[in-house]
Amino acid sequence: MNSTRSKRVLGTHTCVPHIQKKRGFFANYSRSPMLEQNLGWLPPALLCTGNRQVVRAAPKILNLQDSFQVDIEAKDFGLNDGRIALALGTYRNRVGVIPLAIFESQMGMDASQIIVREMIANSSLHYSTNPLVKFDADSIYLIRVGTSAGVRSRDDVDKGTAAKIGDLLISEGAIGMSFAIIQSLCGVFETNVRYALNKWKSMGGLTTQDGKFFLIKSAGTISDALEKSAVERRLGCKRGLCFSKASLYAESNESDFERLKTDYGVIMTEMEQLMIGFERELFSIKEGLPVSQGMVCAAIGEIPYGNSFPDNENEIKKAETAKENMLKIAADALVRLIYKLK
């Protein structure tokens, strides 16, 4: 376990560091065998969501074995339960079984930076589900499972190819702009967007061809694994670029989003992946830690030429079904990745 990563984290905002320091937690809680085996570290298979309700519901949807709402149990034991929900368990499908953590990143890029950095820093490539079963992963695999609006153009809608409510959308990367990223790169006093983009490129980072936005690519292995998992479950999906917005209310200007579709090929919009990818890049550049990130979203809105959120019972049902399916294909994808299946 690599404790030097803690230097990359300011403060403690989750229950995980508190559990690592309190060994009595393991002795008194036989319900957490994986925590006991791994001294409070998280596994290399992570699902990340902006909604704590997903964390609470996921163990039942995925039929996790030995599932454990870590923050709730930490609080019951008298420890600091942190600011987010965290569940842990083992996921089994017909291919294999893996240790799996599901955590809440909170909404927006600013909050996600704090939480995602802390969770990656407290994850281990080497993990045991019991004394006889050990995993040696080649990467920390982090998949964001979230909700998004499908981004459309008039031409898409007319042809019937537009993303719609209930679709599963797999991200091949995210573009966007974040002041949190600018401050992380340039410090407090340098607020020039062009300077920040050039500094990012000097570090090996990517931008869109016109230089307007940061560009973070999803790991191709994750996107492929998500698509294969969807196919195996006979679920349709669409793959494409995501726009991570800093403001939810940016959606009010629908013409901007149609331009994102026509000019950049964006098929979805949400609020976190750009920052998750940025943190992944920093860990790889500064720590040499292999981290892979990707995303699958349930489309719960359609912009433009639709609504940002479900508008009737039929749309609500489609959105809820898609939310469950995204969890299932994400967990299946993590099995493929940990077991190195093609």
Protein backbone atom coordinates (compact mmCIF):
# COMPACT_ATOMS: atom_id res chain seq x y z
CA MET A 1 0.00 0.00 0.00
CA ASN A 2 1.42 3.35 -1.03
CA SER A 3 1.03 5.91 1.76
CA THR A 4 3.07 8.54 -0.10
CA ARG A 5 -0.02 9.35 -2.15
CA SER A 6 -1.53 11.01 0.92
CA LYS A 7 0.78 13.97 0.22
CA ARG A 8 -1.37 14.74 -2.83
CA VAL A 9 -4.47 15.17 -0.65
CA LEU A 10 -5.35 18.21 1.46
CA GLY A 11 -7.45 17.27 4.47
CA THR A 12 -9.78 14.30 4.89
CA HIS A 13 -13.28 14.54 3.46
CA THR A 14 -14.28 10.86 3.44
CA CYS A 15 -14.37 8.18 6.12
CA VAL A 16 -11.58 6.13 4.52
CA PRO A 17 -8.51 7.82 6.10
CA HIS A 18 -10.22 7.72 9.52
CA ILE A 19 -10.82 3.96 9.16
CA GLN A 20 -7.20 3.37 8.14
CA LYS A 21 -6.04 5.00 11.38
CA LYS A 22 -8.48 3.08 13.61
CA ARG A 23 -7.49 -0.57 13.54
CA GLY A 24 -10.16 -1.38 16.13
CA PHE A 25 -12.72 -0.84 13.39
CA PHE A 26 -11.59 -4.09 11.73
CA ALA A 27 -11.52 -6.12 14.94
CA ASN A 28 -15.07 -5.13 15.87
CA TYR A 29 -16.69 -5.31 12.45
CA SER A 30 -16.62 -8.80 10.99
CA ARG A 31 -19.03 -7.49 8.33
CA SER A 32 -16.10 -5.78 6.63
CA PRO A 33 -13.70 -8.64 5.78
CA MET A 34 -12.27 -6.78 2.78
CA LEU A 35 -11.49 -3.71 4.85
CA GLU A 36 -9.81 -5.92 7.45
CA GLN A 37 -7.77 -7.79 4.83
CA ASN A 38 -6.62 -4.55 3.17
CA LEU A 39 -6.14 -2.28 6.20
CA GLY A 40 -8.88 0.11 5.11
CA TRP A 41 -7.68 0.62 1.54
CA LEU A 42 -10.12 0.64 -1.37
CA PRO A 43 -9.98 -1.83 -4.28
CA PRO A 44 -8.75 -1.04 -7.81
CA ALA A 45 -12.31 -1.26 -9.19
CA LEU A 46 -14.25 1.95 -8.50
CA LEU A 47 -17.65 3.25 -9.54
CA CYS A 48 -18.17 6.97 -9.07
CA THR A 49 -21.53 8.76 -9.00
CA GLY A 50 -22.67 12.26 -8.16
CA ASN A 51 -25.76 10.93 -6.35
CA ARG A 52 -25.60 9.27 -2.92
CA GLN A 53 -28.93 7.56 -3.62
CA VAL A 54 -27.14 5.52 -6.28
CA VAL A 55 -24.54 4.43 -3.71
CA ARG A 56 -27.31 3.28 -1.37
CA ALA A 57 -29.22 1.45 -4.11
CA ALA A 58 -26.30 -0.09 -6.04
CA PRO A 59 -25.61 -3.10 -3.73
CA LYS A 60 -29.15 -4.39 -4.28
CA ILE A 61 -29.20 -3.64 -8.02
CA LEU A 62 -25.84 -5.39 -8.49
CA ASN A 63 -26.53 -8.13 -5.94
CA LEU A 64 -23.23 -7.40 -4.19
CA GLN A 65 -22.01 -10.01 -1.74
CA ASP A 66 -20.79 -8.93 1.71
CA SER A 67 -21.97 -5.41 0.89
CA PHE A 68 -21.21 -2.73 3.39
CA GLN A 69 -22.24 0.95 3.58
CA VAL A 70 -18.88 2.01 4.90
CA ASP A 71 -19.71 5.58 5.95
CA ILE A 72 -22.79 4.48 7.93
CA GLU A 73 -20.89 1.76 9.78
CA ALA A 74 -18.01 4.13 10.47
CA LYS A 75 -20.42 6.58 12.09
CA ASP A 76 -22.00 3.82 14.18
CA PHE A 77 -18.53 2.88 15.38
CA GLY A 78 -17.90 6.47 16.47
CA LEU A 79 -15.62 7.44 13.60
CA ASN A 80 -15.88 10.47 11.35
CA ASP A 81 -18.17 9.35 8.52
CA GLY A 82 -16.96 12.02 6.11
CA ARG A 83 -19.05 13.96 3.62
CA ILE A 84 -19.91 11.26 1.08
CA ALA A 85 -21.61 7.89 0.79
CA LEU A 86 -19.39 4.86 0.19
CA ALA A 87 -20.35 1.22 -0.38
CA LEU A 88 -18.09 -1.81 -0.65
CA GLY A 89 -18.75 -5.40 -1.66
CA THR A 90 -17.90 -8.15 -4.11
CA TYR A 91 -19.52 -8.27 -7.54
CA ARG A 92 -19.98 -11.58 -9.31
CA ASN A 93 -21.09 -12.29 -12.86
CA ARG A 94 -20.69 -15.33 -15.09
CA VAL A 95 -17.05 -14.41 -15.80
CA GLY A 96 -15.67 -13.80 -12.33
CA VAL A 97 -15.81 -11.94 -9.05
CA ILE A 98 -14.14 -8.66 -8.13
CA PRO A 99 -13.93 -6.34 -5.11
CA LEU A 100 -15.95 -3.22 -5.89
CA ALA A 101 -16.30 0.21 -4.27
CA ILE A 102 -19.04 2.69 -5.18
CA PHE A 103 -18.61 6.25 -3.98
CA GLU A 104 -20.33 9.62 -4.22
CA SER A 105 -18.27 12.35 -5.88
CA GLN A 106 -20.91 15.03 -5.22
CA MET A 107 -22.07 17.31 -8.04
CA GLY A 108 -19.88 19.57 -10.13
CA MET A 109 -16.20 19.68 -10.99
CA ASP A 110 -15.07 21.64 -7.92
CA ALA A 111 -16.48 19.11 -5.44
CA SER A 112 -15.47 16.13 -7.59
CA GLN A 113 -11.83 17.20 -7.59
CA ILE A 114 -11.65 16.96 -3.80
CA ILE A 115 -13.40 13.62 -3.47
CA VAL A 116 -11.99 11.82 -6.52
CA ARG A 117 -8.42 12.74 -5.61
CA GLU A 118 -8.91 11.38 -2.10
CA MET A 119 -10.49 8.14 -3.29
CA ILE A 120 -7.80 7.43 -5.89
CA ALA A 121 -5.12 8.18 -3.31
CA ASN A 122 -6.68 5.58 -0.99
CA SER A 123 -7.06 2.82 -3.61
CA SER A 124 -4.62 -0.03 -4.06
CA LEU A 125 -3.55 -2.04 -7.11
CA HIS A 126 -3.05 -5.08 -4.86
CA TYR A 127 -6.16 -6.32 -3.09
CA SER A 128 -7.54 -9.35 -1.23
CA THR A 129 -11.18 -10.36 -1.01
CA ASN A 130 -10.22 -13.06 1.51
CA PRO A 131 -6.92 -14.61 2.69
CA LEU A 132 -6.88 -16.98 -0.29
CA VAL A 133 -7.97 -14.65 -3.12
CA LYS A 134 -5.67 -11.81 -4.16
CA PHE A 135 -5.93 -9.39 -7.09
CA ASP A 136 -3.00 -7.62 -8.73
CA ALA A 137 -4.50 -5.05 -11.08
CA ASP A 138 -2.51 -3.24 -13.77
CA SER A 139 -4.44 -0.02 -13.11
CA ILE A 140 -6.87 1.69 -10.79
CA TYR A 141 -10.05 1.51 -12.88
CA LEU A 142 -12.56 4.29 -12.21
CA ILE A 143 -15.85 4.42 -14.12
CA ARG A 144 -18.24 7.29 -13.60
CA VAL A 145 -21.88 6.17 -13.64
CA GLY A 146 -24.11 9.19 -13.93
CA THR A 147 -26.99 10.91 -15.61
CA SER A 148 -26.71 13.20 -18.59
CA ALA A 149 -28.70 14.96 -21.23
CA GLY A 150 -28.31 13.75 -24.78
CA VAL A 151 -26.94 16.57 -26.95
CA ARG A 152 -28.68 16.76 -30.32
CA SER A 153 -28.84 18.62 -33.60
CA ARG A 154 -31.83 19.26 -35.83
CA ASP A 155 -30.35 16.89 -38.39
CA ASP A 156 -30.02 14.10 -35.76
CA VAL A 157 -33.62 14.51 -34.70
CA ASP A 158 -34.89 14.48 -38.29
CA LYS A 159 -32.89 11.33 -39.09
CA GLY A 160 -33.95 9.56 -35.87
CA THR A 161 -30.34 9.14 -34.73
CA ALA A 162 -30.39 11.66 -31.87
CA ALA A 163 -29.65 10.62 -28.29
CA LYS A 164 -32.88 10.33 -26.34
CA ILE A 165 -34.15 9.70 -22.82
CA GLY A 166 -33.40 6.12 -21.78
CA ASP A 167 -30.29 5.71 -23.95
CA LEU A 168 -27.02 4.44 -22.55
CA LEU A 169 -24.26 6.88 -23.53
CA ILE A 170 -20.60 5.82 -23.36
CA SER A 171 -18.10 8.67 -23.24
CA GLU A 172 -14.98 8.58 -25.39
CA GLY A 173 -13.72 11.72 -23.67
CA ALA A 174 -14.78 15.06 -22.25
CA ILE A 175 -14.27 18.65 -23.33
CA GLY A 176 -15.02 21.73 -21.27
CA MET A 177 -13.68 24.55 -19.14
CA SER A 178 -13.24 24.71 -15.37
CA PHE A 179 -11.86 27.49 -13.21
CA ALA A 180 -10.85 24.81 -10.68
CA ILE A 181 -8.60 23.28 -13.32
CA ILE A 182 -7.17 26.71 -14.20
CA GLN A 183 -6.32 27.43 -10.55
CA SER A 184 -4.84 23.95 -10.10
CA LEU A 185 -2.56 24.51 -13.09
CA CYS A 186 -1.69 28.19 -12.72
CA GLY A 187 -2.19 29.24 -9.10
CA VAL A 188 -4.37 31.92 -7.58
CA PHE A 189 -3.35 35.02 -9.54
CA GLU A 190 -3.11 33.75 -13.13
CA THR A 191 -6.65 33.60 -14.49
CA ASN A 192 -5.97 33.80 -18.22
CA VAL A 193 -7.71 30.92 -19.99
CA ARG A 194 -5.29 30.89 -22.93
CA TYR A 195 -2.31 30.72 -20.57
CA ALA A 196 -3.88 27.78 -18.73
CA LEU A 197 -4.60 25.88 -21.94
CA ASN A 198 -1.03 26.40 -23.16
CA LYS A 199 0.40 25.27 -19.83
CA TRP A 200 -1.76 22.17 -19.97
CA LYS A 201 -0.45 21.39 -23.47
CA SER A 202 3.13 21.89 -22.27
CA MET A 203 2.48 19.12 -19.71
CA GLY A 204 1.32 16.77 -22.45
CA GLY A 205 -2.37 17.52 -22.02
CA LEU A 206 -4.84 17.84 -24.89
CA THR A 207 -7.18 20.59 -26.03
CA THR A 208 -9.75 20.76 -28.79
CA GLN A 209 -8.32 21.60 -32.21
CA ASP A 210 -9.55 25.18 -32.03
CA GLY A 211 -7.95 25.59 -28.58
CA LYS A 212 -11.18 26.61 -26.86
CA PHE A 213 -11.57 23.71 -24.41
CA PHE A 214 -9.59 21.24 -22.33
CA LEU A 215 -9.87 17.72 -23.75
CA ILE A 216 -9.60 14.59 -21.64
CA LYS A 217 -9.84 11.20 -23.34
CA SER A 218 -11.50 8.20 -21.73
CA ALA A 219 -9.40 5.05 -21.60
CA GLY A 220 -10.19 3.16 -24.78
CA THR A 221 -10.08 -0.11 -22.85
CA ILE A 222 -12.87 1.13 -20.58
CA SER A 223 -15.06 2.43 -23.42
CA ASP A 224 -14.62 -0.87 -25.28
CA ALA A 225 -15.38 -2.91 -22.16
CA LEU A 226 -18.52 -0.88 -21.51
CA GLU A 227 -19.75 -1.39 -25.07
CA LYS A 228 -19.02 -5.13 -25.00
CA SER A 229 -20.82 -5.44 -21.67
CA ALA A 230 -23.85 -3.64 -23.11
CA VAL A 231 -23.87 -5.94 -26.12
CA GLU A 232 -23.68 -9.03 -23.90
CA ARG A 233 -26.75 -7.80 -22.03
CA ARG A 234 -28.45 -7.02 -25.36
CA LEU A 235 -28.60 -3.34 -24.56
CA GLY A 236 -28.11 -0.62 -27.14
CA CYS A 237 -25.64 2.18 -26.53
CA LYS A 238 -24.11 5.19 -28.22
CA ARG A 239 -20.46 6.28 -28.02
CA GLY A 240 -19.15 9.79 -28.38
CA LEU A 241 -17.74 12.91 -26.78
CA CYS A 242 -19.06 14.52 -23.61
CA PHE A 243 -19.25 18.20 -22.69
CA SER A 244 -18.62 18.73 -18.95
CA LYS A 245 -20.25 22.00 -18.01
CA ALA A 246 -19.41 24.06 -14.94
CA SER A 247 -22.98 25.36 -14.64
CA LEU A 248 -26.14 23.27 -14.90
CA TYR A 249 -27.95 26.37 -16.05
CA ALA A 250 -25.74 26.68 -19.11
CA GLU A 251 -28.28 24.29 -20.65
CA SER A 252 -30.69 27.24 -20.89
CA ASN A 253 -28.82 28.39 -24.01
CA GLU A 254 -29.82 25.48 -26.21
CA SER A 255 -28.25 26.88 -29.36
CA ASP A 256 -24.82 26.54 -27.72
CA PHE A 257 -25.45 22.83 -27.20
CA GLU A 258 -26.55 22.27 -30.77
CA ARG A 259 -23.28 23.91 -31.81
CA LEU A 260 -21.39 21.50 -29.49
CA LYS A 261 -23.00 18.64 -31.41
CA THR A 262 -22.38 20.01 -34.90
CA ASP A 263 -18.92 21.50 -34.33
CA TYR A 264 -17.37 19.06 -31.81
CA GLY A 265 -19.38 15.84 -32.11
CA VAL A 266 -20.63 16.01 -28.51
CA ILE A 267 -23.45 13.53 -27.77
CA MET A 268 -23.97 14.15 -24.04
CA THR A 269 -23.48 16.69 -21.28
CA GLU A 270 -22.88 16.27 -17.55
CA MET A 271 -20.80 18.00 -14.86
CA GLU A 272 -17.93 15.80 -13.64
CA GLN A 273 -15.95 13.75 -16.17
CA LEU A 274 -13.57 16.48 -17.26
CA MET A 275 -12.34 16.87 -13.69
CA ILE A 276 -12.15 13.12 -13.10
CA GLY A 277 -9.98 12.83 -16.20
CA PHE A 278 -7.85 15.78 -15.10
CA GLU A 279 -7.18 14.10 -11.74
CA ARG A 280 -6.34 10.87 -13.52
CA GLU A 281 -3.79 12.75 -15.65
CA LEU A 282 -2.17 14.36 -12.60
CA PHE A 283 -1.79 11.06 -10.77
CA SER A 284 -0.18 9.52 -13.83
CA ILE A 285 2.12 12.50 -14.47
CA LYS A 286 3.15 13.32 -10.88
CA GLU A 287 2.85 9.95 -9.12
CA GLY A 288 3.40 7.44 -11.92
CA LEU A 289 0.28 5.67 -10.68
CA PRO A 290 -1.62 3.85 -13.43
CA VAL A 291 -5.20 5.14 -13.32
CA SER A 292 -7.76 4.58 -16.07
CA GLN A 293 -11.05 6.44 -16.25
CA GLY A 294 -14.20 6.29 -18.34
CA MET A 295 -17.90 6.94 -18.11
CA VAL A 296 -21.32 5.57 -18.97
CA CYS A 297 -24.41 7.70 -18.45
CA ALA A 298 -28.12 7.18 -18.50
CA ALA A 299 -29.70 9.84 -20.70
CA ILE A 300 -32.43 11.53 -18.70
CA GLY A 301 -32.81 14.62 -20.90
CA GLU A 302 -32.66 15.81 -24.49
CA ILE A 303 -31.21 19.18 -25.52
CA PRO A 304 -32.04 20.89 -27.71
CA TYR A 305 -35.42 19.85 -29.17
CA GLY A 306 -36.52 18.20 -25.93
CA ASN A 307 -36.46 18.61 -22.16
CA SER A 308 -33.52 18.63 -19.75
CA PHE A 309 -35.35 16.17 -17.48
CA PRO A 310 -38.08 13.51 -17.90
CA ASP A 311 -41.45 15.12 -18.52
CA ASN A 312 -43.93 12.24 -18.17
CA GLU A 313 -44.34 8.77 -16.64
CA ASN A 314 -43.05 6.98 -19.74
CA GLU A 315 -39.87 9.08 -19.83
CA ILE A 316 -39.37 8.64 -16.07
CA LYS A 317 -39.62 4.84 -16.45
CA LYS A 318 -37.13 4.83 -19.34
CA ALA A 319 -34.69 6.96 -17.34
CA GLU A 320 -34.92 4.75 -14.25
CA THR A 321 -34.36 1.58 -16.30
CA ALA A 322 -31.32 3.17 -17.94
CA LYS A 323 -29.88 4.10 -14.51
CA GLU A 324 -30.02 0.46 -13.41
CA ASN A 325 -28.58 -0.80 -16.69
CA MET A 326 -25.64 1.62 -16.58
CA LEU A 327 -24.65 0.19 -13.18
CA LYS A 328 -24.82 -3.36 -14.49
CA ILE A 329 -22.73 -2.78 -17.61
CA ALA A 330 -20.21 -0.70 -15.63
CA ALA A 331 -19.74 -3.51 -13.09
CA ASP A 332 -19.48 -6.07 -15.90
CA ALA A 333 -16.90 -3.87 -17.62
CA LEU A 334 -14.79 -3.74 -14.46
CA VAL A 335 -14.77 -7.55 -14.33
CA ARG A 336 -13.54 -7.61 -17.93
CA LEU A 337 -10.83 -5.08 -17.11
CA ILE A 338 -9.59 -6.70 -13.90
CA TYR A 339 -9.53 -10.13 -15.56
CA LYS A 340 -7.90 -8.60 -18.67
CA LEU A 341 -10.52 -10.00 -21.05
CA LYS A 342 -10.51 -8.88 -24.68
